N, C-alpha and C. Protein backbone atom coordinates (compact mmCIF):
# COMPACT_ATOMS: atom_id res chain seq x y z
N GLY A 1 -176.64 122.72 77.63
CA GLY A 1 -177.32 121.58 78.07
C GLY A 1 -176.42 120.54 78.89
N ASN A 2 -177.01 119.57 79.38
CA ASN A 2 -176.26 118.66 80.05
C ASN A 2 -175.40 117.76 79.12
N SER A 3 -174.20 117.39 79.36
CA SER A 3 -173.15 116.50 78.71
C SER A 3 -173.29 115.21 79.57
N LEU A 4 -174.30 114.44 79.34
CA LEU A 4 -174.44 113.25 80.16
C LEU A 4 -173.54 112.13 79.56
N THR A 5 -172.68 111.60 80.37
CA THR A 5 -171.64 110.62 79.87
C THR A 5 -172.10 109.20 80.06
N ASN A 6 -172.99 108.84 80.89
CA ASN A 6 -173.47 107.41 81.08
C ASN A 6 -174.87 107.40 81.60
N THR A 7 -175.32 106.12 81.60
CA THR A 7 -176.63 105.88 82.09
C THR A 7 -176.59 104.75 83.25
N ASN A 8 -177.31 105.14 84.28
CA ASN A 8 -177.33 104.14 85.44
C ASN A 8 -178.78 103.83 85.83
N THR A 9 -178.90 102.64 86.37
CA THR A 9 -180.26 102.13 86.78
C THR A 9 -180.10 101.39 88.11
N ILE A 10 -180.96 101.75 89.18
CA ILE A 10 -180.91 101.09 90.49
C ILE A 10 -182.29 100.61 90.71
N ASN A 11 -182.45 99.13 90.74
CA ASN A 11 -183.60 98.53 91.09
C ASN A 11 -183.51 97.83 92.57
N HIS A 12 -184.47 98.01 93.35
CA HIS A 12 -184.52 97.20 94.62
C HIS A 12 -183.17 97.22 95.27
N LEU A 13 -182.61 98.25 95.82
CA LEU A 13 -181.43 98.43 96.46
C LEU A 13 -181.58 98.94 97.88
N VAL A 14 -180.98 98.24 98.85
CA VAL A 14 -181.02 98.75 100.35
C VAL A 14 -179.61 99.01 100.72
N ILE A 15 -179.42 100.25 101.29
CA ILE A 15 -178.13 100.71 101.79
C ILE A 15 -178.23 101.12 103.22
N ASN A 16 -177.42 100.42 104.08
CA ASN A 16 -177.61 100.74 105.51
C ASN A 16 -176.28 101.16 106.04
N ASN A 17 -176.29 102.14 106.88
CA ASN A 17 -175.14 102.55 107.73
C ASN A 17 -173.87 103.01 106.86
N ALA A 18 -174.19 103.74 105.65
CA ALA A 18 -173.14 104.08 104.82
C ALA A 18 -172.51 105.53 105.10
N GLY A 19 -171.22 105.50 104.92
CA GLY A 19 -170.59 106.95 104.97
C GLY A 19 -170.05 107.34 103.70
N SER A 20 -169.32 108.46 103.70
CA SER A 20 -168.83 108.96 102.42
C SER A 20 -167.62 108.23 101.87
N PRO A 21 -167.64 107.82 100.76
CA PRO A 21 -166.31 107.12 100.17
C PRO A 21 -165.14 108.24 100.33
N LYS A 22 -163.95 107.64 100.63
CA LYS A 22 -162.86 108.52 100.73
C LYS A 22 -161.58 107.84 99.88
N LEU A 23 -160.88 108.72 99.21
CA LEU A 23 -159.71 108.25 98.43
C LEU A 23 -158.63 109.53 98.63
N GLY A 24 -157.81 109.31 99.56
CA GLY A 24 -156.72 110.41 99.92
C GLY A 24 -157.53 111.62 100.19
N LEU A 25 -157.29 112.80 99.66
CA LEU A 25 -157.93 113.93 100.16
C LEU A 25 -159.36 114.17 99.45
N TRP A 26 -159.74 113.24 98.56
CA TRP A 26 -160.93 113.35 97.80
C TRP A 26 -162.03 112.61 98.63
N GLN A 27 -163.20 113.25 98.73
CA GLN A 27 -164.23 112.68 99.44
C GLN A 27 -165.53 113.18 98.92
N THR A 28 -166.46 112.28 98.69
CA THR A 28 -167.89 112.74 98.09
C THR A 28 -168.79 113.26 99.25
N ARG A 29 -169.73 114.12 98.91
CA ARG A 29 -170.61 114.62 100.00
C ARG A 29 -171.81 113.51 100.29
N GLY A 30 -171.95 112.60 99.38
CA GLY A 30 -173.03 111.58 99.61
C GLY A 30 -172.64 110.20 99.81
N ALA A 31 -173.32 109.40 100.45
CA ALA A 31 -173.00 108.06 100.54
C ALA A 31 -173.25 107.40 99.20
N LEU A 32 -174.23 107.98 98.37
CA LEU A 32 -174.44 107.35 97.09
C LEU A 32 -174.30 108.65 96.12
N MET A 33 -173.43 108.81 95.08
CA MET A 33 -173.25 110.11 94.38
C MET A 33 -173.43 109.65 92.88
N PHE A 34 -173.95 110.49 92.04
CA PHE A 34 -173.98 110.41 90.56
C PHE A 34 -173.63 111.73 90.06
N ILE A 35 -172.89 111.74 88.88
CA ILE A 35 -172.51 113.04 88.31
C ILE A 35 -172.71 112.81 86.64
N ASN A 36 -173.35 113.62 86.04
CA ASN A 36 -173.41 113.52 84.48
C ASN A 36 -173.94 112.33 84.10
N THR A 37 -175.08 111.88 84.57
CA THR A 37 -175.74 110.71 84.05
C THR A 37 -177.26 110.79 83.92
N SER A 38 -177.65 109.82 83.14
CA SER A 38 -179.13 109.61 83.07
C SER A 38 -179.61 108.54 83.93
N LEU A 39 -180.22 108.79 85.11
CA LEU A 39 -180.29 107.90 86.19
C LEU A 39 -181.92 107.45 86.43
N THR A 40 -182.08 106.19 86.47
CA THR A 40 -183.41 105.68 86.89
C THR A 40 -183.26 104.86 88.15
N ILE A 41 -184.20 105.28 89.04
CA ILE A 41 -184.17 104.52 90.34
C ILE A 41 -185.60 103.98 90.48
N ASN A 42 -185.55 102.79 90.97
CA ASN A 42 -187.00 102.18 91.24
C ASN A 42 -186.80 101.38 92.65
N ASN A 43 -187.17 102.04 93.73
CA ASN A 43 -187.16 101.31 94.94
C ASN A 43 -185.61 101.31 95.53
N LEU A 44 -185.30 102.43 96.01
CA LEU A 44 -184.03 102.60 96.70
C LEU A 44 -184.35 102.85 98.09
N ARG A 45 -183.64 102.26 99.11
CA ARG A 45 -183.74 102.62 100.49
C ARG A 45 -182.48 102.80 101.02
N ILE A 46 -182.31 103.87 101.62
CA ILE A 46 -180.95 104.28 102.34
C ILE A 46 -181.38 104.61 103.81
N ASN A 47 -180.89 103.68 104.77
CA ASN A 47 -181.15 103.80 106.22
C ASN A 47 -179.92 104.19 107.04
N ASP A 48 -180.13 104.92 108.05
CA ASP A 48 -179.12 105.30 109.13
C ASP A 48 -177.79 105.65 108.38
N ASN A 49 -177.99 106.73 107.70
CA ASN A 49 -176.82 107.39 106.81
C ASN A 49 -175.91 108.20 107.75
N GLN A 50 -174.61 107.91 107.39
CA GLN A 50 -173.65 108.62 108.25
C GLN A 50 -172.82 109.57 107.45
N SER A 51 -173.21 110.02 106.29
CA SER A 51 -172.37 111.05 105.49
C SER A 51 -173.21 112.22 105.50
N GLU A 52 -172.70 113.28 104.83
CA GLU A 52 -173.35 114.56 104.77
C GLU A 52 -174.68 114.56 104.11
N ASP A 53 -174.72 113.90 102.91
CA ASP A 53 -175.91 113.68 102.20
C ASP A 53 -176.05 112.22 101.97
N ALA A 54 -177.39 111.68 102.10
CA ALA A 54 -177.62 110.32 101.76
C ALA A 54 -177.46 109.98 100.24
N LEU A 55 -178.10 110.83 99.39
CA LEU A 55 -178.09 110.70 98.08
C LEU A 55 -177.71 112.06 97.41
N ASN A 56 -176.61 112.14 96.58
CA ASN A 56 -176.18 113.46 96.00
C ASN A 56 -176.15 113.18 94.47
N ILE A 57 -176.87 113.98 93.69
CA ILE A 57 -176.76 113.82 92.25
C ILE A 57 -176.69 115.28 91.68
N ILE A 58 -175.69 115.25 90.60
CA ILE A 58 -175.14 116.57 90.14
C ILE A 58 -175.26 116.48 88.59
N ASN A 59 -175.78 117.51 87.93
CA ASN A 59 -175.94 117.55 86.55
C ASN A 59 -176.38 116.40 85.79
N SER A 60 -177.63 115.88 86.16
CA SER A 60 -178.10 114.65 85.73
C SER A 60 -179.63 114.71 85.31
N ASN A 61 -180.05 113.77 84.47
CA ASN A 61 -181.48 113.58 84.37
C ASN A 61 -181.96 112.44 85.33
N VAL A 62 -183.02 112.61 86.03
CA VAL A 62 -183.36 111.61 87.07
C VAL A 62 -184.83 111.35 86.85
N ASP A 63 -185.11 109.87 87.01
CA ASP A 63 -186.43 109.34 86.93
C ASP A 63 -186.44 108.34 88.22
N ILE A 64 -186.96 108.94 89.28
CA ILE A 64 -187.02 108.34 90.65
C ILE A 64 -188.39 108.02 90.99
N THR A 65 -188.52 106.69 91.40
CA THR A 65 -189.71 106.10 91.99
C THR A 65 -189.43 105.24 93.21
N ALA A 66 -190.13 105.56 94.35
CA ALA A 66 -189.82 104.81 95.51
C ALA A 66 -188.58 104.89 96.07
N LEU A 67 -188.11 106.15 96.41
CA LEU A 67 -186.95 106.50 97.12
C LEU A 67 -187.31 106.78 98.53
N HIS A 68 -186.78 105.80 99.40
CA HIS A 68 -187.08 105.89 100.86
C HIS A 68 -185.75 106.24 101.69
N ILE A 69 -185.62 107.44 102.18
CA ILE A 69 -184.50 107.79 103.16
C ILE A 69 -184.79 107.88 104.47
N ASN A 70 -184.18 107.16 105.51
CA ASN A 70 -184.60 107.10 106.81
C ASN A 70 -183.37 107.22 107.73
N ASN A 71 -183.51 108.25 108.53
CA ASN A 71 -182.55 108.40 109.65
C ASN A 71 -181.18 108.93 109.05
N THR A 72 -181.12 110.29 108.76
CA THR A 72 -179.78 110.72 108.16
C THR A 72 -179.21 111.84 109.21
N LEU A 73 -177.95 112.00 109.15
CA LEU A 73 -177.23 112.88 109.95
C LEU A 73 -177.52 114.49 109.42
N SER A 74 -177.61 114.61 108.11
CA SER A 74 -177.88 115.86 107.40
C SER A 74 -178.87 115.77 106.36
N ASP A 75 -178.60 116.16 105.24
CA ASP A 75 -179.64 116.16 103.99
C ASP A 75 -179.78 114.73 103.64
N ALA A 76 -181.10 114.60 103.23
CA ALA A 76 -181.51 113.23 102.55
C ALA A 76 -181.10 113.18 101.12
N PHE A 77 -181.62 114.10 100.34
CA PHE A 77 -181.45 113.97 98.94
C PHE A 77 -181.17 115.36 98.42
N ASP A 78 -179.84 115.40 97.86
CA ASP A 78 -179.31 116.72 97.35
C ASP A 78 -179.13 116.55 95.76
N CYS A 79 -179.89 117.55 95.00
CA CYS A 79 -179.76 117.41 93.65
C CYS A 79 -179.47 118.74 92.96
N ASP A 80 -178.41 118.92 92.49
CA ASP A 80 -177.89 120.14 91.84
C ASP A 80 -177.85 119.93 90.35
N PHE A 81 -178.41 121.04 89.54
CA PHE A 81 -178.53 121.02 88.16
C PHE A 81 -179.11 119.75 87.59
N CYS A 82 -180.22 119.31 88.03
CA CYS A 82 -180.91 118.03 87.64
C CYS A 82 -182.20 118.41 86.85
N THR A 83 -182.55 117.52 86.06
CA THR A 83 -184.00 117.54 85.53
C THR A 83 -184.63 116.27 85.67
N GLY A 84 -186.00 116.29 85.82
CA GLY A 84 -186.75 114.92 85.83
C GLY A 84 -187.79 114.91 86.91
N GLU A 85 -187.97 113.75 87.41
CA GLU A 85 -189.15 113.52 88.35
C GLU A 85 -188.82 112.64 89.53
N ILE A 86 -189.42 112.91 90.58
CA ILE A 86 -189.32 111.95 91.85
C ILE A 86 -190.72 111.78 92.27
N ARG A 87 -191.03 110.47 92.48
CA ARG A 87 -192.52 110.17 92.93
C ARG A 87 -192.49 109.09 93.84
N ASN A 88 -193.61 109.09 94.49
CA ASN A 88 -193.93 107.95 95.44
C ASN A 88 -192.89 107.62 96.42
N SER A 89 -192.31 108.65 97.03
CA SER A 89 -191.20 108.55 97.85
C SER A 89 -191.40 109.00 99.29
N GLN A 90 -190.47 108.76 100.21
CA GLN A 90 -190.70 108.93 101.67
C GLN A 90 -189.39 109.41 102.25
N PHE A 91 -189.32 110.37 103.17
CA PHE A 91 -188.20 110.94 103.85
C PHE A 91 -188.54 110.97 105.26
N THR A 92 -187.87 110.29 106.09
CA THR A 92 -188.07 110.23 107.53
C THR A 92 -186.75 110.41 108.46
N LYS A 93 -186.99 111.13 109.46
CA LYS A 93 -185.89 111.34 110.43
C LYS A 93 -184.72 111.99 109.77
N VAL A 94 -184.77 113.07 109.18
CA VAL A 94 -183.73 113.71 108.44
C VAL A 94 -183.20 114.93 109.33
N GLY A 95 -181.79 114.81 109.28
CA GLY A 95 -180.94 115.94 109.97
C GLY A 95 -180.87 115.74 111.35
N ILE A 96 -180.88 114.47 111.89
CA ILE A 96 -180.94 114.34 113.29
C ILE A 96 -179.71 114.77 114.08
N ARG A 97 -178.53 115.14 113.33
CA ARG A 97 -177.38 115.65 114.10
C ARG A 97 -177.46 117.18 114.10
N SER A 98 -177.50 117.89 112.99
CA SER A 98 -177.47 119.25 112.95
C SER A 98 -178.46 120.00 112.06
N GLY A 99 -179.58 119.26 111.74
CA GLY A 99 -180.55 119.75 110.78
C GLY A 99 -180.27 119.27 109.41
N GLY A 100 -181.20 119.06 108.62
CA GLY A 100 -181.08 118.68 107.28
C GLY A 100 -182.33 118.85 106.42
N ASP A 101 -182.28 118.90 105.05
CA ASP A 101 -183.42 119.06 104.15
C ASP A 101 -183.72 117.65 103.73
N GLY A 102 -185.03 117.48 103.37
CA GLY A 102 -185.58 116.28 102.76
C GLY A 102 -185.17 116.24 101.32
N ILE A 103 -185.54 117.25 100.56
CA ILE A 103 -184.99 117.42 99.21
C ILE A 103 -184.47 118.82 98.89
N ASP A 104 -183.23 118.82 98.67
CA ASP A 104 -182.55 120.18 98.61
C ASP A 104 -182.05 120.32 97.17
N VAL A 105 -182.46 121.35 96.31
CA VAL A 105 -182.02 121.29 94.97
C VAL A 105 -181.67 122.65 94.64
N SER A 106 -180.66 122.85 93.83
CA SER A 106 -180.15 124.10 93.18
C SER A 106 -180.06 124.02 91.75
N GLY A 107 -180.44 125.00 91.00
CA GLY A 107 -180.49 125.07 89.46
C GLY A 107 -181.11 123.89 88.78
N SER A 108 -182.17 123.40 89.33
CA SER A 108 -182.87 122.27 88.84
C SER A 108 -184.32 122.27 88.47
N LYS A 109 -184.73 121.41 87.53
CA LYS A 109 -186.12 121.55 87.11
C LYS A 109 -186.70 120.12 87.40
N LEU A 110 -187.47 120.01 88.40
CA LEU A 110 -188.09 118.80 88.91
C LEU A 110 -189.57 118.74 89.12
N THR A 111 -190.17 117.58 88.76
CA THR A 111 -191.51 117.38 89.35
C THR A 111 -191.46 116.39 90.50
N ILE A 112 -192.20 116.81 91.61
CA ILE A 112 -192.04 116.02 92.77
C ILE A 112 -193.59 115.55 93.20
N GLU A 113 -193.88 114.33 93.12
CA GLU A 113 -195.26 113.82 93.33
C GLU A 113 -195.38 112.77 94.38
N ASN A 114 -196.49 112.97 95.11
CA ASN A 114 -196.71 111.79 96.12
C ASN A 114 -195.44 111.47 97.06
N VAL A 115 -195.06 112.64 97.59
CA VAL A 115 -193.92 112.52 98.47
C VAL A 115 -194.15 112.89 99.93
N THR A 116 -193.83 112.04 100.96
CA THR A 116 -194.16 112.21 102.30
C THR A 116 -192.84 112.62 103.01
N PHE A 117 -192.94 113.53 103.98
CA PHE A 117 -191.87 113.97 104.81
C PHE A 117 -192.26 113.99 106.29
N ASN A 118 -191.45 113.21 107.01
CA ASN A 118 -191.88 113.04 108.44
C ASN A 118 -190.60 113.13 109.39
N GLY A 119 -190.59 114.05 110.22
CA GLY A 119 -189.38 114.18 111.17
C GLY A 119 -188.29 114.87 110.32
N ILE A 120 -188.52 116.04 109.63
CA ILE A 120 -187.39 116.82 109.00
C ILE A 120 -186.95 118.00 109.82
N ARG A 121 -185.65 118.01 110.19
CA ARG A 121 -185.05 119.01 111.15
C ARG A 121 -184.78 120.47 110.53
N ASP A 122 -184.96 120.48 109.18
CA ASP A 122 -184.91 121.80 108.58
C ASP A 122 -186.08 121.80 107.41
N LYS A 123 -185.76 121.91 106.23
CA LYS A 123 -186.81 122.15 105.26
C LYS A 123 -187.27 120.78 104.54
N ALA A 124 -188.53 120.61 104.34
CA ALA A 124 -188.91 119.35 103.64
C ALA A 124 -188.43 119.48 102.21
N ILE A 125 -188.63 120.62 101.51
CA ILE A 125 -188.30 120.73 100.14
C ILE A 125 -187.81 122.19 100.16
N SER A 126 -186.41 122.08 99.63
CA SER A 126 -185.80 123.46 99.55
C SER A 126 -185.25 123.63 98.19
N GLY A 127 -185.92 124.73 97.44
CA GLY A 127 -185.55 124.98 96.14
C GLY A 127 -184.78 126.22 96.20
N GLY A 128 -183.59 126.36 95.44
CA GLY A 128 -182.75 127.48 95.40
C GLY A 128 -181.99 127.62 94.12
N GLU A 129 -181.61 128.81 93.95
CA GLU A 129 -180.61 129.14 92.74
C GLU A 129 -181.25 128.79 91.39
N ASN A 130 -182.36 129.47 91.13
CA ASN A 130 -183.04 129.40 89.89
C ASN A 130 -183.50 127.94 89.51
N SER A 131 -184.17 127.45 90.48
CA SER A 131 -184.79 126.08 90.26
C SER A 131 -186.26 126.24 89.93
N HIS A 132 -186.86 125.31 89.18
CA HIS A 132 -188.13 125.25 88.81
C HIS A 132 -188.78 123.98 89.16
N LEU A 133 -189.74 124.02 90.28
CA LEU A 133 -190.29 122.88 90.87
C LEU A 133 -191.81 122.88 90.63
N ILE A 134 -192.29 121.61 90.25
CA ILE A 134 -193.72 121.32 90.19
C ILE A 134 -193.97 120.28 91.37
N VAL A 135 -194.79 120.57 92.48
CA VAL A 135 -194.98 119.71 93.58
C VAL A 135 -196.39 119.30 93.61
N ASN A 136 -196.70 118.01 93.59
CA ASN A 136 -198.02 117.66 93.80
C ASN A 136 -198.27 116.48 94.73
N ASN A 137 -199.33 116.61 95.54
CA ASN A 137 -199.68 115.49 96.54
C ASN A 137 -198.46 115.42 97.58
N THR A 138 -198.17 116.51 98.42
CA THR A 138 -197.19 116.43 99.27
C THR A 138 -197.78 116.44 100.66
N TYR A 139 -197.07 115.60 101.56
CA TYR A 139 -197.55 115.47 102.97
C TYR A 139 -196.32 115.69 103.86
N LEU A 140 -196.56 116.77 104.58
CA LEU A 140 -195.57 117.27 105.66
C LEU A 140 -196.00 116.97 107.10
N ASN A 141 -195.24 116.32 107.86
CA ASN A 141 -195.50 116.11 109.14
C ASN A 141 -194.28 116.12 110.06
N ASN A 142 -194.45 116.93 111.23
CA ASN A 142 -193.29 117.00 112.13
C ASN A 142 -191.97 117.56 111.39
N THR A 143 -192.11 118.65 110.75
CA THR A 143 -191.03 119.39 109.99
C THR A 143 -190.88 120.86 110.63
N ASN A 144 -189.55 121.27 110.49
CA ASN A 144 -189.40 122.59 110.93
C ASN A 144 -189.93 123.64 109.94
N PHE A 145 -189.66 123.40 108.65
CA PHE A 145 -190.18 124.18 107.58
C PHE A 145 -190.75 123.22 106.48
N GLY A 146 -191.67 123.65 105.69
CA GLY A 146 -192.27 122.74 104.68
C GLY A 146 -191.65 123.05 103.40
N ILE A 147 -192.26 123.81 102.39
CA ILE A 147 -191.91 124.09 101.04
C ILE A 147 -191.12 125.39 101.02
N VAL A 148 -190.06 125.55 100.70
CA VAL A 148 -189.27 126.77 100.64
C VAL A 148 -188.72 127.07 99.28
N SER A 149 -188.99 128.26 98.72
CA SER A 149 -188.51 128.81 97.44
C SER A 149 -187.71 129.95 97.78
N LYS A 150 -186.39 129.91 97.25
CA LYS A 150 -185.54 131.05 97.50
C LYS A 150 -184.64 131.25 96.24
N ASP A 151 -184.15 132.56 96.00
CA ASP A 151 -183.18 132.97 95.15
C ASP A 151 -183.54 132.50 93.68
N ALA A 152 -184.59 133.32 93.16
CA ALA A 152 -184.94 133.19 91.73
C ALA A 152 -185.66 131.68 91.38
N THR A 153 -186.10 131.02 92.41
CA THR A 153 -186.68 129.75 92.19
C THR A 153 -188.23 129.93 92.15
N LYS A 154 -188.75 129.12 91.17
CA LYS A 154 -190.21 129.21 91.18
C LYS A 154 -190.76 127.80 91.46
N ILE A 155 -191.72 127.72 92.33
CA ILE A 155 -192.39 126.50 92.74
C ILE A 155 -193.84 126.52 92.66
N LYS A 156 -194.44 125.69 91.80
CA LYS A 156 -195.95 125.61 91.81
C LYS A 156 -196.29 124.30 92.59
N ALA A 157 -197.13 124.49 93.51
CA ALA A 157 -197.53 123.31 94.33
C ALA A 157 -199.03 123.13 94.38
N SER A 158 -199.51 122.00 94.35
CA SER A 158 -200.78 121.60 94.63
C SER A 158 -201.18 120.57 95.45
N ASP A 159 -202.19 120.54 96.31
CA ASP A 159 -202.57 119.55 97.27
C ASP A 159 -201.43 119.22 98.28
N VAL A 160 -201.10 120.19 99.09
CA VAL A 160 -200.17 120.24 100.02
C VAL A 160 -200.85 119.92 101.43
N TYR A 161 -200.36 118.96 102.22
CA TYR A 161 -201.09 118.54 103.46
C TYR A 161 -200.03 118.64 104.53
N ALA A 162 -200.26 119.55 105.52
CA ALA A 162 -199.25 119.82 106.48
C ALA A 162 -199.73 119.58 107.87
N ASN A 163 -198.99 119.07 108.83
CA ASN A 163 -199.28 118.83 110.22
C ASN A 163 -198.27 118.96 111.02
N ASN A 164 -198.27 119.55 112.24
CA ASN A 164 -197.03 119.46 113.11
C ASN A 164 -195.83 120.32 112.55
N VAL A 165 -196.03 121.39 111.92
CA VAL A 165 -194.87 122.18 111.43
C VAL A 165 -194.45 123.23 112.47
N LYS A 166 -193.13 123.12 112.78
CA LYS A 166 -192.67 123.87 113.85
C LYS A 166 -192.70 125.48 113.57
N TYR A 167 -192.16 125.80 112.45
CA TYR A 167 -192.10 127.32 112.14
C TYR A 167 -193.00 127.70 110.99
N HIS A 168 -192.59 127.50 109.80
CA HIS A 168 -193.60 127.84 108.70
C HIS A 168 -193.70 126.58 107.54
N ALA A 169 -194.88 126.52 107.11
CA ALA A 169 -195.13 125.35 106.15
C ALA A 169 -194.74 125.84 104.72
N LEU A 170 -194.89 127.20 104.56
CA LEU A 170 -194.59 127.79 103.17
C LEU A 170 -193.72 128.97 103.30
N MET A 171 -192.67 129.06 102.70
CA MET A 171 -191.85 130.31 102.63
C MET A 171 -191.27 130.57 101.36
N SER A 172 -191.09 131.96 101.03
CA SER A 172 -190.42 132.36 99.74
C SER A 172 -189.54 133.65 100.13
N TYR A 173 -188.35 133.67 99.81
CA TYR A 173 -187.44 134.74 100.14
C TYR A 173 -186.15 134.81 99.32
N SER A 174 -185.37 135.80 99.40
CA SER A 174 -184.12 135.96 98.78
C SER A 174 -182.96 135.86 99.71
N LYS A 175 -182.06 134.98 99.39
CA LYS A 175 -181.00 134.67 100.51
C LYS A 175 -179.61 135.15 99.98
N LYS A 176 -179.41 134.92 98.60
CA LYS A 176 -178.26 135.38 97.94
C LYS A 176 -178.66 136.61 96.88
N SER A 177 -177.98 137.69 97.12
CA SER A 177 -178.22 138.88 96.34
C SER A 177 -178.12 138.77 94.88
N ILE A 178 -177.20 137.80 94.40
CA ILE A 178 -176.91 137.76 92.95
C ILE A 178 -178.12 137.15 92.22
N PHE A 179 -179.08 136.57 93.00
CA PHE A 179 -180.21 136.01 92.36
C PHE A 179 -181.56 136.88 92.52
N GLY A 180 -182.38 136.74 91.63
CA GLY A 180 -183.67 137.48 91.83
C GLY A 180 -184.52 136.84 93.03
N SER A 181 -185.70 137.61 93.11
CA SER A 181 -186.75 137.07 94.11
C SER A 181 -187.33 135.75 93.67
N ALA A 182 -187.96 135.03 94.60
CA ALA A 182 -188.39 133.74 94.45
C ALA A 182 -190.02 133.83 94.49
N GLU A 183 -190.62 132.71 93.89
CA GLU A 183 -191.95 132.60 93.67
C GLU A 183 -192.48 131.34 94.24
N LEU A 184 -193.64 131.35 94.98
CA LEU A 184 -194.29 130.13 95.46
C LEU A 184 -195.71 130.27 95.36
N ILE A 185 -196.28 129.39 94.38
CA ILE A 185 -197.69 129.41 94.23
C ILE A 185 -198.36 127.91 94.63
N VAL A 186 -199.19 128.00 95.58
CA VAL A 186 -199.84 126.83 96.15
C VAL A 186 -201.27 126.81 96.03
N ASN A 187 -201.83 125.71 95.49
CA ASN A 187 -203.27 125.47 95.35
C ASN A 187 -203.66 124.33 96.15
N ASN A 188 -204.73 124.42 96.87
CA ASN A 188 -205.32 123.38 97.80
C ASN A 188 -204.33 123.19 98.90
N PHE A 189 -204.08 124.10 99.87
CA PHE A 189 -203.17 123.97 100.97
C PHE A 189 -203.94 123.59 102.22
N ASN A 190 -203.63 122.50 102.79
CA ASN A 190 -204.40 121.93 103.92
C ASN A 190 -203.50 121.86 105.04
N CYS A 191 -203.81 122.45 106.32
CA CYS A 191 -202.96 122.52 107.39
C CYS A 191 -203.68 122.35 108.62
N GLU A 192 -203.41 121.44 109.52
CA GLU A 192 -204.21 121.40 110.83
C GLU A 192 -203.60 122.20 111.96
N ASP A 193 -202.55 122.79 111.73
CA ASP A 193 -201.85 123.59 112.83
C ASP A 193 -202.60 125.04 112.83
N ILE A 194 -202.60 125.50 114.22
CA ILE A 194 -203.26 126.95 114.33
C ILE A 194 -202.45 127.89 113.74
N GLN A 195 -201.07 127.85 113.72
CA GLN A 195 -200.33 128.96 113.25
C GLN A 195 -200.45 128.96 111.55
N CYS A 196 -200.90 127.90 110.90
CA CYS A 196 -201.04 128.09 109.47
C CYS A 196 -202.14 129.15 109.09
N ASN A 197 -203.05 129.54 110.08
CA ASN A 197 -203.96 130.61 109.79
C ASN A 197 -203.29 131.80 109.40
N LYS A 198 -202.10 131.93 109.97
CA LYS A 198 -201.28 133.25 109.87
C LYS A 198 -200.74 133.36 108.44
């Protein structure tokens, strides 16, 4: 299990134009990073991010409400080996430099509810490496890919609304051979794009 060393709470914080902190050869991947913590976030806004990830959390329990990430060079929210929930959040203009995911998870168990993605240059939700995700009331607009399950990940989604998806709104595949196949189950999928009928 997780060996959580501390507890952190963020309430009503705005971060603008942040890059990755550096100390000699050490540099974090995110403008804001947490490791081995129990983290509660209520209303965090990260705008015009200049680092690889806007928010990076590793091996933590998360309880996130009203996370708004706007205008990132790469990924918006990267969560590895996390458990918890993210709700009532919004990701806009993600991956403007070289592509990026809205929510990118590995080895995590998360519930994602009432989250909107708009202008995502890669995947809105990317689940990988044995993650288990429950996704409810998700809105996808102007994304390259929507909900993606890969490498032994299981995603159960309901009430997914998609519009202006460039490639595929739903995908499930194996990328790394050391993991097994992935699973994606979706109830009540609504898409206005012609290619969604395929």
